[in-house]
Protein backbone atom coordinates (compact mmCIF):
# COMPACT_ATOMS: atom_id res chain seq x y z
CA MET A 1 32.13 10.57 36.70
CA GLN A 2 33.08 8.44 33.72
CA VAL A 3 30.46 7.83 31.04
CA GLU A 4 30.10 4.84 28.78
CA LEU A 5 30.62 5.60 25.10
CA ASP A 6 30.39 3.19 22.22
CA GLU A 7 32.65 2.95 19.17
CA LYS A 8 30.42 5.30 17.16
CA ASP A 9 30.63 7.98 19.86
CA HIS A 10 34.41 7.67 19.85
CA LYS A 11 34.46 8.02 16.03
CA ILE A 12 32.37 11.18 16.25
CA ILE A 13 34.69 12.64 18.90
CA GLN A 14 37.78 11.74 16.87
CA GLU A 15 36.40 13.34 13.71
CA LEU A 16 35.30 16.49 15.54
CA THR A 17 38.68 16.74 17.25
CA GLU A 18 40.38 16.71 13.87
CA ASN A 19 37.93 19.17 12.32
CA ALA A 20 35.10 20.64 14.40
CA GLU A 21 34.17 22.90 11.50
CA GLN A 22 32.88 20.12 9.25
CA SER A 23 29.15 19.86 8.66
CA ILE A 24 27.00 17.20 10.29
CA SER A 25 26.28 15.79 6.80
CA SER A 26 29.97 15.49 6.01
CA LEU A 27 30.66 13.88 9.37
CA ALA A 28 27.77 11.44 8.95
CA GLU A 29 29.05 10.45 5.52
CA LYS A 30 32.57 9.83 6.84
CA ILE A 31 31.45 7.56 9.66
CA LYS A 32 28.61 6.00 7.66
CA MET A 33 25.74 6.96 9.94
CA PRO A 34 22.47 8.84 9.29
CA ARG A 35 22.82 12.59 9.70
CA THR A 36 20.04 12.79 12.31
CA THR A 37 21.67 10.04 14.38
CA VAL A 38 25.00 11.89 14.34
CA GLN A 39 23.24 15.13 15.28
CA GLU A 40 21.47 13.44 18.21
CA ARG A 41 24.68 11.79 19.40
CA ILE A 42 26.54 15.12 19.34
CA LYS A 43 23.69 16.72 21.26
CA ARG A 44 23.86 13.92 23.87
CA LEU A 45 27.68 14.19 24.12
CA LYS A 46 27.27 17.91 24.82
CA GLN A 47 24.51 17.34 27.39
CA ILE A 48 26.54 14.79 29.37
CA GLY A 49 29.61 17.03 29.26
CA VAL A 50 31.89 14.90 27.07
CA ILE A 51 31.99 17.70 24.51
CA LYS A 52 32.58 20.89 26.48
CA LYS A 53 32.72 23.33 23.58
CA PHE A 54 33.74 23.79 19.97
CA THR A 55 36.75 26.02 19.49
CA ILE A 56 39.48 27.04 17.08
CA GLN A 57 43.22 26.49 16.97
CA VAL A 58 45.21 29.62 16.25
CA ASP A 59 48.73 30.23 15.03
CA HIS A 60 50.14 32.20 17.95
CA ALA A 61 53.21 33.33 16.01
CA LYS A 62 50.96 35.09 13.50
CA LEU A 63 49.24 36.82 16.41
CA GLY A 64 52.56 38.18 17.66
CA LYS A 65 53.20 35.58 20.37
CA PRO A 66 55.73 33.12 18.95
CA SER A 67 57.51 32.38 22.25
CA THR A 68 56.29 29.58 24.52
CA ALA A 69 57.63 28.46 27.88
CA PHE A 70 56.61 26.27 30.78
CA VAL A 71 57.16 27.59 34.30
CA LEU A 72 57.40 25.21 37.24
CA ILE A 73 56.47 26.86 40.52
CA SER A 74 57.19 25.77 44.07
CA PHE A 75 54.41 26.71 46.48
CA GLU A 76 55.37 28.42 49.73
CA GLN A 77 52.91 28.00 52.62
CA GLY A 78 51.54 31.13 54.16
CA ALA A 79 49.56 33.87 52.46
CA THR A 80 47.32 31.69 50.29
CA SER A 81 46.45 28.14 49.34
CA GLN A 82 48.10 26.26 46.50
CA LYS A 83 44.87 26.15 44.49
CA ARG A 84 44.17 29.85 45.07
CA LEU A 85 47.70 30.69 43.93
CA ALA A 86 47.20 28.67 40.74
CA GLU A 87 43.90 30.49 40.15
CA GLU A 88 45.59 33.89 40.57
CA ILE A 89 48.42 32.90 38.24
CA ALA A 90 45.87 31.71 35.66
CA LYS A 91 44.46 35.26 35.50
CA LEU A 92 47.68 36.63 34.02
CA PRO A 93 47.16 37.34 30.30
CA GLU A 94 50.31 35.50 29.21
CA VAL A 95 49.23 32.29 30.96
CA ILE A 96 47.61 29.78 28.60
CA GLU A 97 47.33 26.86 31.04
CA ALA A 98 47.80 26.43 34.79
CA HIS A 99 47.89 23.06 36.55
CA VAL A 100 48.30 22.02 40.18
CA ILE A 101 50.67 19.04 40.00
CA THR A 102 52.35 16.42 42.17
CA GLY A 103 56.05 15.85 42.64
CA GLU A 104 58.92 18.17 43.38
CA TRP A 105 57.03 21.17 41.91
CA ASP A 106 53.52 22.28 42.83
CA ILE A 107 52.21 24.26 39.85
CA ILE A 108 53.06 24.27 36.16
CA VAL A 109 51.99 27.02 33.79
CA LYS A 110 52.24 27.34 30.04
CA VAL A 111 52.89 30.88 28.87
CA ARG A 112 53.00 32.59 25.49
CA SER A 113 54.43 35.98 24.67
CA GLU A 114 56.06 38.10 21.98
CA SER A 115 59.59 37.30 23.17
CA MET A 116 61.72 35.45 25.69
CA GLN A 117 62.45 38.82 27.28
CA THR A 118 58.78 39.40 28.06
CA ILE A 119 58.49 35.85 29.42
CA GLY A 120 61.52 36.64 31.60
CA SER A 121 59.81 39.78 32.85
CA LEU A 122 56.65 37.82 33.57
CA VAL A 123 58.60 35.35 35.70
CA VAL A 124 60.88 37.83 37.47
CA ASP A 125 58.55 40.80 37.90
CA LYS A 126 55.14 39.15 38.29
CA LEU A 127 55.28 35.46 39.22
CA ARG A 128 58.16 35.60 41.69
CA ASN A 129 56.53 38.55 43.46
CA MET A 130 53.21 36.80 44.04
CA PRO A 131 52.53 35.74 47.65
CA GLY A 132 52.89 31.95 47.81
CA VAL A 133 55.48 31.58 45.06
CA GLY A 134 58.64 30.04 46.50
CA LYS A 135 60.90 29.39 43.55
CA THR A 136 60.48 28.92 39.80
CA ILE A 137 62.20 27.22 36.93
CA THR A 138 61.44 28.18 33.33
CA CYS A 139 61.68 25.74 30.43
CA VAL A 140 61.62 27.31 26.97
CA SER A 141 59.83 25.43 24.21
CA LEU A 142 62.08 25.07 21.18
CA ALA A 143 59.38 23.48 19.00
CA ALA A 144 55.84 22.20 19.50
CA VAL A 145 55.80 18.65 18.14
CA LYS A 146 52.17 18.05 19.11
CA GLU A 147 49.76 20.59 20.52
CA THR A 148 46.01 20.26 20.81
CA VAL A 149 43.35 22.75 21.76
């Protein structure tokens, strides 16, 4: 269900996307609105589900996981459903995102790990052995040009 937002709502979302840590007063000053109005709008955006949560963006390399790859997975009919397979894959600790997609491939996952070797082990030893996984192709990320939370 799509909701109608005005220009002020979009400004609030844009500012919070850039820096969710800023105070309501600072945000209100930037977009030239009363603090209480901004506070009420944020509350409404949360209630209607436009703002799901406030979070942080981490530097994965500093946490010991500098390697990123995307794994395309072909679904093989039989033991499970495509959605159930994606849900099981999403439970793996190295998996950051899992999407059921259209086209030649059925599922795409984003993974992070300490090395390409551990990503290789994830693909060969875990993913390819899961019931429902037909074939995979792994694309290594050389650099993240844009990445949002």
